[in-house]
Amino acid sequence: MATKDSETKKQSGSTSSREDQEPEAQASARVRQKADEVRDEADALVDQIDEILEENAETFVKSFIQKGGE
């Protein structure tokens, strides 16, 4: 009987570990999805900054040119 009890524990243990992995996998998928969203938002922000700099590039560069004895 001790063998059946230990086999039952092994089986229930493997089942619970599978159940534990499913929420972790779902959480991992959510984290990946959120990371992708944040990355996309950051890329969009960088694109906006690039557009603004391209539009105002001449003025932007002139503001850094030293004049006379500065």
Foldseek 3Di string as FASTA:
>chain_A
DVVVVVVVVVVVVVVVVVVVVVVVVVVVVVVVVVVVVVVVVVVVVVVVVVVVCVVCVVVVVVVPDDDDPD
